[in-house]
Structure formats: structure tokens, C-alpha cells
Amino acid sequence: MLHLIYIFAFTIIAFLTISNLIRSLITVSMDSQRPSSRGKSNMYGSRGVPHPELLDDRGVPINEPLLVMRSVSVEDARQQLDALYKASPSQTIDIDEEK
């Protein structure tokens, strides 16, 4: 009897999950076909107001890259990490290194 209740419960959950999936797919396809004003600029939200982090002190939108990445070789990264580790105040000295 308990097995039938489990099968019935998981069948209901499966139907709810699949119906939710189909409803989400329909919603996404409807949104993709609708022309939106958000495509003009990525920095504006749904209300057309820019996010506060994209504004300078005067409230003017900034026009500069927010993240600048430079490539670093593996050896340079290792040296920088070693320098940070050696400069750390909580560095512990191993007994083997003292000898």
C-alpha cells in the first residue's frame, strides 16, 4: 500500500514538473519574440534607470570598462602569490626550514 502512495505522489510531482517546464519554455519563447527596449543598453534595468554602481558621484553614467583583465603567466602569478604569502603576518615557520 505504501508503494502505491509513493508511486502516486511521484507521478503527481512529475506531471507538475513537466507542466512547469512547458510553461517556462512558452514564456521564454514569447519573451524572445517580443521586441524589447532593453536590447538598446545593457546597463539599464526594467525601469530604464541605470544601476547606482554605473553612475559616478554626480549621477552621470560612467563610460569606462568596469573590469580590466590582463593576462599573467603562471610563473608571474606564482611569484606574486609567494610574495603575498611571505609578507603575511600570520606566516608560520616550519621546524624543517630553520635547519
PDB file of N, CA and C in Angstrom:
ATOM      1  N   MET A   1       0.816  -1.193   0.000  1.00  0.00           N
ATOM      2  CA  MET A   1       0.000   0.000   0.000  1.00  0.00           C
ATOM      3  C   MET A   1       0.868   1.269   0.000  1.00  0.00           C
ATOM      4  N   LEU A   2       1.944   1.247   0.797  1.00  0.00           N
ATOM      5  CA  LEU A   2       2.836   2.396   0.864  1.00  0.00           C
ATOM      6  C   LEU A   2       3.517   2.638  -0.479  1.00  0.00           C
ATOM      7  N   HIS A   3       3.815   1.564  -1.206  1.00  0.00           N
ATOM      8  CA  HIS A   3       4.434   1.702  -2.522  1.00  0.00           C
ATOM      9  C   HIS A   3       3.506   2.425  -3.488  1.00  0.00           C
ATOM     10  N   LEU A   4       2.238   2.160  -3.430  1.00  0.00           N
ATOM     11  CA  LEU A   4       1.275   2.819  -4.309  1.00  0.00           C
ATOM     12  C   LEU A   4       1.168   4.311  -4.004  1.00  0.00           C
ATOM     13  N   ILE A   5       1.251   4.652  -2.721  1.00  0.00           N
ATOM     14  CA  ILE A   5       1.206   6.072  -2.352  1.00  0.00           C
ATOM     15  C   ILE A   5       2.443   6.790  -2.881  1.00  0.00           C
ATOM     16  N   TYR A   6       3.627   6.168  -2.757  1.00  0.00           N
ATOM     17  CA  TYR A   6       4.852   6.767  -3.291  1.00  0.00           C
ATOM     18  C   TYR A   6       4.771   6.924  -4.805  1.00  0.00           C
ATOM     19  N   ILE A   7       4.305   5.908  -5.497  1.00  0.00           N
ATOM     20  CA  ILE A   7       4.193   5.984  -6.960  1.00  0.00           C
ATOM     21  C   ILE A   7       3.218   7.086  -7.341  1.00  0.00           C
ATOM     22  N   PHE A   8       2.096   7.180  -6.658  1.00  0.00           N
ATOM     23  CA  PHE A   8       1.109   8.215  -6.941  1.00  0.00           C
ATOM     24  C   PHE A   8       1.691   9.609  -6.677  1.00  0.00           C
ATOM     25  N   ALA A   9       2.399   9.779  -5.568  1.00  0.00           N
ATOM     26  CA  ALA A   9       2.976  11.089  -5.224  1.00  0.00           C
ATOM     27  C   ALA A   9       4.047  11.503  -6.233  1.00  0.00           C
ATOM     28  N   PHE A  10       4.920  10.584  -6.601  1.00  0.00           N
ATOM     29  CA  PHE A  10       5.961  10.936  -7.565  1.00  0.00           C
ATOM     30  C   PHE A  10       5.397  11.156  -8.956  1.00  0.00           C
ATOM     31  N   THR A  11       4.292  10.498  -9.301  1.00  0.00           N
ATOM     32  CA  THR A  11       3.641  10.745 -10.583  1.00  0.00           C
ATOM     33  C   THR A  11       3.074  12.158 -10.620  1.00  0.00           C
ATOM     34  N   ILE A  12       2.453  12.579  -9.536  1.00  0.00           N
ATOM     35  CA  ILE A  12       1.924  13.949  -9.467  1.00  0.00           C
ATOM     36  C   ILE A  12       3.056  14.964  -9.543  1.00  0.00           C
ATOM     37  N   ILE A  13       4.137  14.705  -8.819  1.00  0.00           N
ATOM     38  CA  ILE A  13       5.293  15.623  -8.858  1.00  0.00           C
ATOM     39  C   ILE A  13       5.882  15.682 -10.260  1.00  0.00           C
ATOM     40  N   ALA A  14       5.965  14.555 -10.948  1.00  0.00           N
ATOM     41  CA  ALA A  14       6.498  14.531 -12.310  1.00  0.00           C
ATOM     42  C   ALA A  14       5.614  15.338 -13.250  1.00  0.00           C
ATOM     43  N   PHE A  15       4.309  15.197 -13.145  1.00  0.00           N
ATOM     44  CA  PHE A  15       3.408  15.967 -14.001  1.00  0.00           C
ATOM     45  C   PHE A  15       3.521  17.457 -13.713  1.00  0.00           C
ATOM     46  N   LEU A  16       3.606  17.837 -12.451  1.00  0.00           N
ATOM     47  CA  LEU A  16       3.770  19.250 -12.114  1.00  0.00           C
ATOM     48  C   LEU A  16       5.082  19.804 -12.660  1.00  0.00           C
ATOM     49  N   THR A  17       6.135  19.016 -12.565  1.00  0.00           N
ATOM     50  CA  THR A  17       7.442  19.456 -13.056  1.00  0.00           C
ATOM     51  C   THR A  17       7.431  19.644 -14.560  1.00  0.00           C
ATOM     52  N   ILE A  18       6.866  18.697 -15.267  1.00  0.00           N
ATOM     53  CA  ILE A  18       6.831  18.794 -16.730  1.00  0.00           C
ATOM     54  C   ILE A  18       5.927  19.939 -17.177  1.00  0.00           C
ATOM     55  N   SER A  19       4.797  20.141 -16.492  1.00  0.00           N
ATOM     56  CA  SER A  19       3.929  21.263 -16.862  1.00  0.00           C
ATOM     57  C   SER A  19       4.624  22.596 -16.591  1.00  0.00           C
ATOM     58  N   ASN A  20       5.380  22.673 -15.506  1.00  0.00           N
ATOM     59  CA  ASN A  20       6.126  23.888 -15.204  1.00  0.00           C
ATOM     60  C   ASN A  20       7.209  24.129 -16.254  1.00  0.00           C
ATOM     61  N   LEU A  21       7.860  23.064 -16.695  1.00  0.00           N
ATOM     62  CA  LEU A  21       8.880  23.184 -17.734  1.00  0.00           C
ATOM     63  C   LEU A  21       8.274  23.689 -19.033  1.00  0.00           C
ATOM     64  N   ILE A  22       7.144  23.132 -19.424  1.00  0.00           N
ATOM     65  CA  ILE A  22       6.488  23.564 -20.658  1.00  0.00           C
ATOM     66  C   ILE A  22       6.030  25.009 -20.540  1.00  0.00           C
ATOM     67  N   ARG A  23       5.482  25.394 -19.379  1.00  0.00           N
ATOM     68  CA  ARG A  23       5.045  26.773 -19.185  1.00  0.00           C
ATOM     69  C   ARG A  23       6.238  27.728 -19.251  1.00  0.00           C
ATOM     70  N   SER A  24       7.371  27.339 -18.692  1.00  0.00           N
ATOM     71  CA  SER A  24       8.566  28.190 -18.746  1.00  0.00           C
ATOM     72  C   SER A  24       9.083  28.328 -20.174  1.00  0.00           C
ATOM     73  N   LEU A  25       9.074  27.238 -20.916  1.00  0.00           N
ATOM     74  CA  LEU A  25       9.513  27.305 -22.313  1.00  0.00           C
ATOM     75  C   LEU A  25       8.621  28.221 -23.138  1.00  0.00           C
ATOM     76  N   ILE A  26       7.333  28.156 -22.908  1.00  0.00           N
ATOM     77  CA  ILE A  26       6.408  29.032 -23.633  1.00  0.00           C
ATOM     78  C   ILE A  26       6.646  30.485 -23.250  1.00  0.00           C
ATOM     79  N   THR A  27       6.864  30.738 -21.975  1.00  0.00           N
ATOM     80  CA  THR A  27       7.126  32.107 -21.520  1.00  0.00           C
ATOM     81  C   THR A  27       8.414  32.653 -22.126  1.00  0.00           C
ATOM     82  N   VAL A  28       9.460  31.842 -22.146  1.00  0.00           N
ATOM     83  CA  VAL A  28      10.736  32.293 -22.715  1.00  0.00           C
ATOM     84  C   VAL A  28      10.594  32.547 -24.208  1.00  0.00           C
ATOM     85  N   SER A  29       9.880  31.692 -24.922  1.00  0.00           N
ATOM     86  CA  SER A  29       9.724  31.900 -26.362  1.00  0.00           C
ATOM     87  C   SER A  29       8.886  33.141 -26.645  1.00  0.00           C
ATOM     88  N   MET A  30       7.888  33.422 -25.814  1.00  0.00           N
ATOM     89  CA  MET A  30       7.084  34.639 -26.001  1.00  0.00           C
ATOM     90  C   MET A  30       7.930  35.889 -25.728  1.00  0.00           C
ATOM     91  N   ASP A  31       8.766  35.828 -24.694  1.00  0.00           N
ATOM     92  CA  ASP A  31       9.618  36.975 -24.380  1.00  0.00           C
ATOM     93  C   ASP A  31      10.672  37.205 -25.447  1.00  0.00           C
ATOM     94  N   SER A  32      11.171  36.150 -26.057  1.00  0.00           N
ATOM     95  CA  SER A  32      12.203  36.323 -27.078  1.00  0.00           C
ATOM     96  C   SER A  32      11.631  36.881 -28.375  1.00  0.00           C
ATOM     97  N   GLN A  33      10.356  36.661 -28.634  1.00  0.00           N
ATOM     98  CA  GLN A  33       9.739  37.169 -29.858  1.00  0.00           C
ATOM     99  C   GLN A  33       9.253  38.605 -29.696  1.00  0.00           C
ATOM    100  N   ARG A  34       9.055  39.047 -28.465  1.00  0.00           N
ATOM    101  CA  ARG A  34       8.566  40.389 -28.206  1.00  0.00           C
ATOM    102  C   ARG A  34       9.732  41.373 -28.304  1.00  0.00           C
ATOM    103  N   PRO A  35       9.572  42.463 -29.060  1.00  0.00           N
ATOM    104  CA  PRO A  35      10.657  43.455 -29.102  1.00  0.00           C
ATOM    105  C   PRO A  35      10.773  44.140 -27.755  1.00  0.00           C
ATOM    106  N   SER A  36      12.000  44.296 -27.319  1.00  0.00           N
ATOM    107  CA  SER A  36      12.202  44.922 -26.006  1.00  0.00           C
ATOM    108  C   SER A  36      13.106  46.125 -26.147  1.00  0.00           C
ATOM    109  N   SER A  37      12.939  47.053 -25.249  1.00  0.00           N
ATOM    110  CA  SER A  37      13.788  48.245 -25.227  1.00  0.00           C
ATOM    111  C   SER A  37      15.069  47.991 -24.466  1.00  0.00           C
ATOM    112  N   ARG A  38      15.150  46.831 -23.791  1.00  0.00           N
ATOM    113  CA  ARG A  38      16.361  46.536 -23.020  1.00  0.00           C
ATOM    114  C   ARG A  38      17.529  46.195 -23.918  1.00  0.00           C
ATOM    115  N   GLY A  39      17.290  45.825 -25.159  1.00  0.00           N
ATOM    116  CA  GLY A  39      18.371  45.471 -26.061  1.00  0.00           C
ATOM    117  C   GLY A  39      19.239  46.646 -26.438  1.00  0.00           C
ATOM    118  N   LYS A  40      18.745  47.864 -26.227  1.00  0.00           N
ATOM    119  CA  LYS A  40      19.499  49.053 -26.607  1.00  0.00           C
ATOM    120  C   LYS A  40      20.708  49.269 -25.700  1.00  0.00           C
ATOM    121  N   SER A  41      20.549  49.006 -24.440  1.00  0.00           N
ATOM    122  CA  SER A  41      21.637  49.208 -23.494  1.00  0.00           C
ATOM    123  C   SER A  41      21.532  48.187 -22.379  1.00  0.00           C
ATOM    124  N   ASN A  42      22.643  47.568 -22.042  1.00  0.00           N
ATOM    125  CA  ASN A  42      22.646  46.545 -21.008  1.00  0.00           C
ATOM    126  C   ASN A  42      22.708  47.125 -19.604  1.00  0.00           C
ATOM    127  N   MET A  43      22.999  48.418 -19.474  1.00  0.00           N
ATOM    128  CA  MET A  43      23.171  48.951 -18.140  1.00  0.00           C
ATOM    129  C   MET A  43      21.867  49.427 -17.515  1.00  0.00           C
ATOM    130  N   TYR A  44      20.796  49.438 -18.245  1.00  0.00           N
ATOM    131  CA  TYR A  44      19.523  49.878 -17.707  1.00  0.00           C
ATOM    132  C   TYR A  44      18.681  48.690 -17.311  1.00  0.00           C
ATOM    133  N   GLY A  45      18.008  48.805 -16.195  1.00  0.00           N
ATOM    134  CA  GLY A  45      17.154  47.736 -15.708  1.00  0.00           C
ATOM    135  C   GLY A  45      15.780  47.790 -16.355  1.00  0.00           C
ATOM    136  N   SER A  46      14.815  47.161 -15.728  1.00  0.00           N
ATOM    137  CA  SER A  46      13.478  47.105 -16.301  1.00  0.00           C
ATOM    138  C   SER A  46      12.770  48.454 -16.241  1.00  0.00           C
ATOM    139  N   ARG A  47      13.203  49.350 -15.342  1.00  0.00           N
ATOM    140  CA  ARG A  47      12.548  50.649 -15.216  1.00  0.00           C
ATOM    141  C   ARG A  47      13.234  51.717 -16.054  1.00  0.00           C
ATOM    142  N   GLY A  48      14.308  51.394 -16.739  1.00  0.00           N
ATOM    143  CA  GLY A  48      15.009  52.383 -17.543  1.00  0.00           C
ATOM    144  C   GLY A  48      15.952  53.250 -16.736  1.00  0.00           C
ATOM    145  N   VAL A  49      16.200  52.908 -15.483  1.00  0.00           N
ATOM    146  CA  VAL A  49      17.099  53.670 -14.619  1.00  0.00           C
ATOM    147  C   VAL A  49      18.384  52.868 -14.465  1.00  0.00           C
ATOM    148  N   PRO A  50      19.553  53.496 -14.665  1.00  0.00           N
ATOM    149  CA  PRO A  50      20.797  52.730 -14.536  1.00  0.00           C
ATOM    150  C   PRO A  50      21.048  52.323 -13.088  1.00  0.00           C
ATOM    151  N   HIS A  51      21.794  51.256 -12.941  1.00  0.00           N
ATOM    152  CA  HIS A  51      22.166  50.764 -11.615  1.00  0.00           C
ATOM    153  C   HIS A  51      23.086  51.785 -10.950  1.00  0.00           C
ATOM    154  N   PRO A  52      22.978  52.001  -9.637  1.00  0.00           N
ATOM    155  CA  PRO A  52      23.808  53.016  -8.964  1.00  0.00           C
ATOM    156  C   PRO A  52      25.310  52.809  -9.125  1.00  0.00           C
ATOM    157  N   GLU A  53      25.773  51.570  -9.297  1.00  0.00           N
ATOM    158  CA  GLU A  53      27.202  51.345  -9.474  1.00  0.00           C
ATOM    159  C   GLU A  53      27.693  51.821 -10.831  1.00  0.00           C
ATOM    160  N   LEU A  54      26.778  52.060 -11.762  1.00  0.00           N
ATOM    161  CA  LEU A  54      27.167  52.525 -13.092  1.00  0.00           C
ATOM    162  C   LEU A  54      27.131  54.039 -13.199  1.00  0.00           C
ATOM    163  N   LEU A  55      26.925  54.728 -12.072  1.00  0.00           N
ATOM    164  CA  LEU A  55      26.888  56.187 -12.041  1.00  0.00           C
ATOM    165  C   LEU A  55      28.077  56.722 -11.252  1.00  0.00           C
ATOM    166  N   ASP A  56      28.580  57.889 -11.660  1.00  0.00           N
ATOM    167  CA  ASP A  56      29.666  58.492 -10.899  1.00  0.00           C
ATOM    168  C   ASP A  56      29.072  59.311  -9.743  1.00  0.00           C
ATOM    169  N   ASP A  57      29.895  60.125  -9.084  1.00  0.00           N
ATOM    170  CA  ASP A  57      29.453  60.887  -7.916  1.00  0.00           C
ATOM    171  C   ASP A  57      28.376  61.914  -8.258  1.00  0.00           C
ATOM    172  N   ARG A  58      28.373  62.407  -9.506  1.00  0.00           N
ATOM    173  CA  ARG A  58      27.397  63.417  -9.912  1.00  0.00           C
ATOM    174  C   ARG A  58      26.117  62.804 -10.470  1.00  0.00           C
ATOM    175  N   GLY A  59      26.070  61.465 -10.589  1.00  0.00           N
ATOM    176  CA  GLY A  59      24.882  60.811 -11.120  1.00  0.00           C
ATOM    177  C   GLY A  59      24.895  60.629 -12.616  1.00  0.00           C
ATOM    178  N   VAL A  60      26.048  60.857 -13.244  1.00  0.00           N
ATOM    179  CA  VAL A  60      26.187  60.700 -14.688  1.00  0.00           C
ATOM    180  C   VAL A  60      26.681  59.283 -14.964  1.00  0.00           C
ATOM    181  N   PRO A  61      26.088  58.601 -15.958  1.00  0.00           N
ATOM    182  CA  PRO A  61      26.575  57.245 -16.268  1.00  0.00           C
ATOM    183  C   PRO A  61      28.046  57.261 -16.685  1.00  0.00           C
ATOM    184  N   ILE A  62      28.804  56.315 -16.159  1.00  0.00           N
ATOM    185  CA  ILE A  62      30.225  56.236 -16.497  1.00  0.00           C
ATOM    186  C   ILE A  62      30.380  55.567 -17.857  1.00  0.00           C
ATOM    187  N   ASN A  63      31.423  55.930 -18.543  1.00  0.00           N
ATOM    188  CA  ASN A  63      31.692  55.386 -19.868  1.00  0.00           C
ATOM    189  C   ASN A  63      33.106  54.825 -19.881  1.00  0.00           C
ATOM    190  N   GLU A  64      33.344  53.816 -19.051  1.00  0.00           N
ATOM    191  CA  GLU A  64      34.652  53.187 -18.980  1.00  0.00           C
ATOM    192  C   GLU A  64      34.445  51.718 -18.637  1.00  0.00           C
ATOM    193  N   PRO A  65      35.414  50.899 -18.945  1.00  0.00           N
ATOM    194  CA  PRO A  65      35.251  49.480 -18.619  1.00  0.00           C
ATOM    195  C   PRO A  65      35.216  49.269 -17.107  1.00  0.00           C
ATOM    196  N   LEU A  66      34.351  48.380 -16.667  1.00  0.00           N
ATOM    197  CA  LEU A  66      34.224  48.116 -15.243  1.00  0.00           C
ATOM    198  C   LEU A  66      35.199  47.057 -14.759  1.00  0.00           C
ATOM    199  N   LEU A  67      35.681  46.246 -15.662  1.00  0.00           N
ATOM    200  CA  LEU A  67      36.613  45.193 -15.291  1.00  0.00           C
ATOM    201  C   LEU A  67      37.689  45.123 -16.356  1.00  0.00           C
ATOM    202  N   VAL A  68      38.910  45.320 -15.937  1.00  0.00           N
ATOM    203  CA  VAL A  68      40.036  45.233 -16.854  1.00  0.00           C
ATOM    204  C   VAL A  68      40.871  44.043 -16.431  1.00  0.00           C
ATOM    205  N   MET A  69      41.074  43.132 -17.345  1.00  0.00           N
ATOM    206  CA  MET A  69      41.865  41.942 -17.044  1.00  0.00           C
ATOM    207  C   MET A  69      43.109  41.944 -17.917  1.00  0.00           C
ATOM    208  N   ARG A  70      44.194  41.564 -17.325  1.00  0.00           N
ATOM    209  CA  ARG A  70      45.408  41.412 -18.115  1.00  0.00           C
ATOM    210  C   ARG A  70      45.890  39.982 -17.957  1.00  0.00           C
ATOM    211  N   SER A  71      46.511  39.505 -18.975  1.00  0.00           N
ATOM    212  CA  SER A  71      46.983  38.126 -18.896  1.00  0.00           C
ATOM    213  C   SER A  71      48.288  38.081 -18.115  1.00  0.00           C
ATOM    214  N   VAL A  72      48.420  37.101 -17.285  1.00  0.00           N
ATOM    215  CA  VAL A  72      49.596  36.922 -16.453  1.00  0.00           C
ATOM    216  C   VAL A  72      50.069  35.489 -16.655  1.00  0.00           C
ATOM    217  N   SER A  73      51.358  35.343 -16.781  1.00  0.00           N
ATOM    218  CA  SER A  73      51.876  33.990 -16.942  1.00  0.00           C
ATOM    219  C   SER A  73      51.772  33.248 -15.610  1.00  0.00           C
ATOM    220  N   VAL A  74      51.859  31.947 -15.688  1.00  0.00           N
ATOM    221  CA  VAL A  74      51.742  31.123 -14.488  1.00  0.00           C
ATOM    222  C   VAL A  74      52.881  31.422 -13.522  1.00  0.00           C
ATOM    223  N   GLU A  75      54.067  31.634 -14.051  1.00  0.00           N
ATOM    224  CA  GLU A  75      55.224  31.911 -13.195  1.00  0.00           C
ATOM    225  C   GLU A  75      55.064  33.248 -12.477  1.00  0.00           C
ATOM    226  N   ASP A  76      54.559  34.282 -13.180  1.00  0.00           N
ATOM    227  CA  ASP A  76      54.319  35.572 -12.527  1.00  0.00           C
ATOM    228  C   ASP A  76      53.265  35.453 -11.433  1.00  0.00           C
ATOM    229  N   ALA A  77      52.219  34.714 -11.703  1.00  0.00           N
ATOM    230  CA  ALA A  77      51.173  34.519 -10.694  1.00  0.00           C
ATOM    231  C   ALA A  77      51.734  33.795  -9.480  1.00  0.00           C
ATOM    232  N   ARG A  78      52.583  32.790  -9.704  1.00  0.00           N
ATOM    233  CA  ARG A  78      53.191  32.073  -8.586  1.00  0.00           C
ATOM    234  C   ARG A  78      54.079  32.988  -7.752  1.00  0.00           C
ATOM    235  N   GLN A  79      54.862  33.825  -8.420  1.00  0.00           N
ATOM    236  CA  GLN A  79      55.739  34.745  -7.703  1.00  0.00           C
ATOM    237  C   GLN A  79      54.929  35.739  -6.870  1.00  0.00           C
ATOM    238  N   GLN A  80      53.836  36.237  -7.435  1.00  0.00           N
ATOM    239  CA  GLN A  80      53.003  37.188  -6.699  1.00  0.00           C
ATOM    240  C   GLN A  80      52.351  36.513  -5.491  1.00  0.00           C
ATOM    241  N   LEU A  81      51.875  35.294  -5.662  1.00  0.00           N
ATOM    242  CA  LEU A  81      51.279  34.577  -4.539  1.00  0.00           C
ATOM    243  C   LEU A  81      52.307  34.251  -3.471  1.00  0.00           C
ATOM    244  N   ASP A  82      53.520  33.867  -3.885  1.00  0.00           N
ATOM    245  CA  ASP A  82      54.584  33.612  -2.914  1.00  0.00           C
ATOM    246  C   ASP A  82      54.947  34.872  -2.146  1.00  0.00           C
ATOM    247  N   ALA A  83      55.001  36.016  -2.851  1.00  0.00           N
ATOM    248  CA  ALA A  83      55.315  37.274  -2.182  1.00  0.00           C
ATOM    249  C   ALA A  83      54.227  37.639  -1.175  1.00  0.00           C
ATOM    250  N   LEU A  84      52.962  37.426  -1.539  1.00  0.00           N
ATOM    251  CA  LEU A  84      51.872  37.690  -0.596  1.00  0.00           C
ATOM    252  C   LEU A  84      51.957  36.771   0.615  1.00  0.00           C
ATOM    253  N   TYR A  85      52.284  35.508   0.367  1.00  0.00           N
ATOM    254  CA  TYR A  85      52.368  34.541   1.459  1.00  0.00           C
ATOM    255  C   TYR A  85      53.508  34.898   2.411  1.00  0.00           C
ATOM    256  N   LYS A  86      54.652  35.279   1.852  1.00  0.00           N
ATOM    257  CA  LYS A  86      55.804  35.613   2.695  1.00  0.00           C
ATOM    258  C   LYS A  86      55.595  36.913   3.448  1.00  0.00           C
ATOM    259  N   ALA A  87      54.795  37.823   2.901  1.00  0.00           N
ATOM    260  CA  ALA A  87      54.534  39.096   3.560  1.00  0.00           C
ATOM    261  C   ALA A  87      53.412  39.000   4.578  1.00  0.00           C
ATOM    262  N   SER A  88      52.746  37.881   4.634  1.00  0.00           N
ATOM    263  CA  SER A  88      51.607  37.724   5.538  1.00  0.00           C
ATOM    264  C   SER A  88      52.082  37.690   6.981  1.00  0.00           C
ATOM    265  N   PRO A  89      51.400  38.400   7.883  1.00  0.00           N
ATOM    266  CA  PRO A  89      51.815  38.424   9.295  1.00  0.00           C
ATOM    267  C   PRO A  89      51.538  37.108  10.015  1.00  0.00           C
ATOM    268  N   SER A  90      50.669  36.285   9.483  1.00  0.00           N
ATOM    269  CA  SER A  90      50.336  35.035  10.158  1.00  0.00           C
ATOM    270  C   SER A  90      51.132  33.854   9.612  1.00  0.00           C
ATOM    271  N   GLN A  91      52.246  34.141   8.985  1.00  0.00           N
ATOM    272  CA  GLN A  91      53.061  33.072   8.408  1.00  0.00           C
ATOM    273  C   GLN A  91      53.680  32.237   9.525  1.00  0.00           C
ATOM    274  N   THR A  92      53.583  30.935   9.404  1.00  0.00           N
ATOM    275  CA  THR A  92      54.180  30.032  10.377  1.00  0.00           C
ATOM    276  C   THR A  92      55.478  29.488   9.805  1.00  0.00           C
ATOM    277  N   ILE A  93      56.454  29.310  10.656  1.00  0.00           N
ATOM    278  CA  ILE A  93      57.752  28.815  10.228  1.00  0.00           C
ATOM    279  C   ILE A  93      57.833  27.337  10.578  1.00  0.00           C
ATOM    280  N   ASP A  94      58.120  26.523   9.588  1.00  0.00           N
ATOM    281  CA  ASP A  94      58.267  25.100   9.824  1.00  0.00           C
ATOM    282  C   ASP A  94      59.613  24.815  10.495  1.00  0.00           C
ATOM    283  N   ILE A  95      59.667  23.795  11.317  1.00  0.00           N
ATOM    284  CA  ILE A  95      60.902  23.423  12.001  1.00  0.00           C
ATOM    285  C   ILE A  95      61.952  22.971  11.002  1.00  0.00           C
ATOM    286  N   ASP A  96      61.494  22.308   9.903  1.00  0.00           N
ATOM    287  CA  ASP A  96      62.442  21.826   8.895  1.00  0.00           C
ATOM    288  C   ASP A  96      63.110  22.985   8.165  1.00  0.00           C
ATOM    289  N   GLU A  97      62.436  24.122   8.005  1.00  0.00           N
ATOM    290  CA  GLU A  97      63.023  25.254   7.294  1.00  0.00           C
ATOM    291  C   GLU A  97      64.096  25.959   8.126  1.00  0.00           C
ATOM    292  N   GLU A  98      64.020  25.874   9.462  1.00  0.00           N
ATOM    293  CA  GLU A  98      65.006  26.560  10.302  1.00  0.00           C
ATOM    294  C   GLU A  98      66.356  25.888  10.247  1.00  0.00           C
ATOM    295  N   LYS A  99      66.399  24.613   9.975  1.00  0.00           N
ATOM    296  CA  LYS A  99      67.675  23.881   9.995  1.00  0.00           C
ATOM    297  C   LYS A  99      68.467  24.100   8.769  1.00  0.00           C
TER     298      LYS A  99
END
